[in-house]
N, C-alpha and C. Protein backbone atom coordinates (compact mmCIF):
# COMPACT_ATOMS: atom_id res chain seq x y z
N PHE A 1 107.98 108.39 135.72
CA PHE A 1 108.65 109.56 136.25
C PHE A 1 108.32 110.75 135.37
N LYS A 2 107.59 111.68 135.94
CA LYS A 2 107.07 112.81 135.18
C LYS A 2 108.17 113.72 134.62
N GLY A 3 109.19 114.01 135.40
CA GLY A 3 110.27 114.90 134.96
C GLY A 3 110.98 114.38 133.73
N GLY A 4 111.21 113.07 133.65
CA GLY A 4 111.87 112.47 132.49
C GLY A 4 111.01 112.59 131.25
N ARG A 5 109.73 112.37 131.40
CA ARG A 5 108.80 112.49 130.26
C ARG A 5 108.75 113.92 129.78
N GLU A 6 108.75 114.86 130.70
CA GLU A 6 108.70 116.28 130.35
C GLU A 6 109.94 116.68 129.56
N LYS A 7 111.10 116.20 129.95
CA LYS A 7 112.34 116.51 129.23
C LYS A 7 112.32 115.91 127.83
N LYS A 8 111.74 114.72 127.68
CA LYS A 8 111.64 114.12 126.35
C LYS A 8 110.79 114.98 125.43
N VAL A 9 109.73 115.54 125.98
CA VAL A 9 108.87 116.42 125.19
C VAL A 9 109.63 117.68 124.82
N ASP A 10 110.36 118.26 125.77
CA ASP A 10 111.16 119.46 125.49
C ASP A 10 112.16 119.19 124.37
N ILE A 11 112.82 118.07 124.42
CA ILE A 11 113.81 117.72 123.40
C ILE A 11 113.14 117.49 122.06
N ALA A 12 111.99 116.86 122.05
CA ALA A 12 111.26 116.61 120.80
C ALA A 12 110.83 117.93 120.16
N VAL A 13 110.34 118.87 120.96
CA VAL A 13 109.94 120.18 120.45
C VAL A 13 111.15 120.90 119.85
N ALA A 14 112.25 120.91 120.58
CA ALA A 14 113.46 121.57 120.10
C ALA A 14 113.95 120.95 118.80
N LYS A 15 113.96 119.64 118.75
CA LYS A 15 114.43 118.94 117.55
C LYS A 15 113.57 119.29 116.34
N GLU A 16 112.26 119.24 116.49
CA GLU A 16 111.36 119.55 115.37
C GLU A 16 111.49 120.99 114.91
N MET A 17 111.59 121.91 115.87
CA MET A 17 111.72 123.31 115.48
C MET A 17 113.03 123.56 114.75
N LEU A 18 114.12 122.98 115.22
CA LEU A 18 115.41 123.19 114.58
C LEU A 18 115.48 122.54 113.20
N ILE A 19 114.97 121.34 113.08
CA ILE A 19 114.98 120.65 111.78
C ILE A 19 114.18 121.44 110.75
N ASN A 20 112.99 121.88 111.14
CA ASN A 20 112.15 122.61 110.20
C ASN A 20 112.71 123.98 109.87
N ALA A 21 113.33 124.64 110.84
CA ALA A 21 113.97 125.93 110.56
C ALA A 21 115.16 125.74 109.62
N PHE A 22 115.99 124.76 109.89
CA PHE A 22 117.17 124.50 109.07
C PHE A 22 116.80 124.15 107.64
N ASN A 23 115.74 123.37 107.47
CA ASN A 23 115.31 122.95 106.13
C ASN A 23 114.38 123.96 105.45
N HIS A 24 114.16 125.09 106.09
CA HIS A 24 113.30 126.16 105.55
C HIS A 24 111.90 125.63 105.22
N ASN A 25 111.37 124.81 106.11
CA ASN A 25 110.03 124.23 105.95
C ASN A 25 108.93 125.17 106.44
N CYS A 26 109.31 126.25 107.10
CA CYS A 26 108.30 127.16 107.63
C CYS A 26 108.86 128.57 107.68
N ASP A 27 107.96 129.53 107.67
CA ASP A 27 108.34 130.92 107.84
C ASP A 27 108.03 131.42 109.24
N ILE A 28 107.04 130.77 109.87
CA ILE A 28 106.59 131.15 111.20
C ILE A 28 106.48 129.90 112.07
N ALA A 29 106.99 129.99 113.28
CA ALA A 29 106.83 128.91 114.26
C ALA A 29 106.05 129.45 115.45
N LEU A 30 105.14 128.66 115.95
CA LEU A 30 104.35 129.02 117.12
C LEU A 30 104.79 128.16 118.29
N LEU A 31 105.29 128.79 119.32
CA LEU A 31 105.72 128.09 120.52
C LEU A 31 104.74 128.41 121.64
N ILE A 32 104.07 127.39 122.12
CA ILE A 32 103.12 127.57 123.22
C ILE A 32 103.78 127.01 124.48
N SER A 33 104.46 127.88 125.17
CA SER A 33 105.18 127.50 126.38
C SER A 33 105.64 128.78 127.08
N GLY A 34 105.81 128.68 128.35
CA GLY A 34 106.35 129.80 129.11
C GLY A 34 107.69 129.44 129.72
N ASP A 35 108.24 128.31 129.31
CA ASP A 35 109.45 127.74 129.90
C ASP A 35 110.70 128.48 129.41
N GLU A 36 111.44 129.02 130.34
CA GLU A 36 112.67 129.77 130.02
C GLU A 36 113.71 128.91 129.31
N ASP A 37 113.61 127.60 129.44
CA ASP A 37 114.55 126.70 128.78
C ASP A 37 114.52 126.86 127.26
N TYR A 38 113.46 127.42 126.72
CA TYR A 38 113.33 127.56 125.27
C TYR A 38 113.95 128.84 124.71
N VAL A 39 114.50 129.71 125.54
CA VAL A 39 115.05 130.97 125.07
C VAL A 39 116.14 130.75 124.02
N ASP A 40 117.10 129.89 124.31
CA ASP A 40 118.18 129.63 123.35
C ASP A 40 117.65 129.01 122.06
N LEU A 41 116.66 128.14 122.17
CA LEU A 41 116.04 127.54 120.99
C LEU A 41 115.42 128.62 120.12
N VAL A 42 114.69 129.54 120.72
CA VAL A 42 114.05 130.61 119.95
C VAL A 42 115.11 131.43 119.21
N HIS A 43 116.18 131.77 119.88
CA HIS A 43 117.25 132.53 119.23
C HIS A 43 117.83 131.76 118.04
N GLU A 44 118.04 130.48 118.21
CA GLU A 44 118.62 129.66 117.15
C GLU A 44 117.66 129.53 115.96
N VAL A 45 116.40 129.31 116.23
CA VAL A 45 115.41 129.19 115.15
C VAL A 45 115.30 130.51 114.39
N LYS A 46 115.33 131.63 115.11
CA LYS A 46 115.26 132.94 114.47
C LYS A 46 116.49 133.19 113.60
N ARG A 47 117.62 132.62 113.97
CA ARG A 47 118.85 132.77 113.19
C ARG A 47 118.68 132.20 111.77
N TYR A 48 117.79 131.24 111.62
CA TYR A 48 117.50 130.65 110.30
C TYR A 48 116.43 131.44 109.56
N GLY A 49 116.01 132.58 110.09
CA GLY A 49 115.06 133.44 109.40
C GLY A 49 113.60 133.15 109.70
N VAL A 50 113.34 132.30 110.66
CA VAL A 50 111.96 131.95 111.02
C VAL A 50 111.45 132.93 112.07
N THR A 51 110.25 133.43 111.89
CA THR A 51 109.60 134.25 112.90
C THR A 51 109.03 133.33 113.97
N VAL A 52 109.35 133.59 115.22
CA VAL A 52 108.86 132.74 116.31
C VAL A 52 107.84 133.54 117.12
N VAL A 53 106.61 133.05 117.11
CA VAL A 53 105.53 133.67 117.86
C VAL A 53 105.32 132.86 119.13
N GLY A 54 105.29 133.53 120.25
CA GLY A 54 105.08 132.85 121.52
C GLY A 54 103.66 133.06 122.02
N ALA A 55 103.09 132.03 122.58
CA ALA A 55 101.78 132.10 123.22
C ALA A 55 101.98 131.68 124.68
N PHE A 56 101.54 132.52 125.59
CA PHE A 56 101.83 132.30 127.00
C PHE A 56 100.58 132.46 127.85
N PHE A 57 100.55 131.72 128.96
CA PHE A 57 99.60 131.99 130.02
C PHE A 57 100.21 133.10 130.87
N THR A 58 99.40 133.90 131.49
CA THR A 58 99.92 135.00 132.29
C THR A 58 100.78 134.49 133.43
N GLN A 59 100.32 133.47 134.10
CA GLN A 59 101.06 132.93 135.24
C GLN A 59 102.10 131.92 134.76
N GLY A 60 103.31 132.05 135.25
CA GLY A 60 104.35 131.07 134.98
C GLY A 60 105.12 131.27 133.69
N ARG A 61 104.96 132.42 133.06
CA ARG A 61 105.70 132.65 131.82
C ARG A 61 107.04 133.29 132.13
N SER A 62 108.01 133.01 131.30
CA SER A 62 109.32 133.59 131.45
C SER A 62 109.39 134.92 130.72
N PRO A 63 109.74 135.99 131.41
CA PRO A 63 109.89 137.28 130.71
C PRO A 63 110.98 137.23 129.63
N ASP A 64 112.04 136.45 129.88
CA ASP A 64 113.10 136.31 128.88
C ASP A 64 112.61 135.62 127.62
N LEU A 65 111.77 134.62 127.79
CA LEU A 65 111.21 133.93 126.62
C LEU A 65 110.27 134.85 125.87
N GLU A 66 109.48 135.61 126.60
CA GLU A 66 108.56 136.55 125.97
C GLU A 66 109.32 137.58 125.14
N LEU A 67 110.44 138.06 125.64
CA LEU A 67 111.26 139.02 124.91
C LEU A 67 111.96 138.39 123.71
N ALA A 68 112.32 137.12 123.82
CA ALA A 68 113.03 136.44 122.73
C ALA A 68 112.14 136.21 121.52
N CYS A 69 110.86 135.99 121.76
CA CYS A 69 109.92 135.73 120.67
C CYS A 69 109.63 137.02 119.92
N ASP A 70 109.20 136.86 118.65
CA ASP A 70 108.86 138.03 117.82
C ASP A 70 107.53 138.60 118.22
């Protein structure tokens, strides 16, 4: 089931970004996604002082995610 696998990947990305931001393991995070579901994650990671750079394809990107990234 593709949708279930996709959600597992989303959760894994969120977990890794939050753990590394919380532990101050990075100064910059690169998120390659256009998925609006990551907007809250970006805000939370930035709260820990990490710069979040977004990389997007023109088609299918979320304007809210683009604005949330640095």
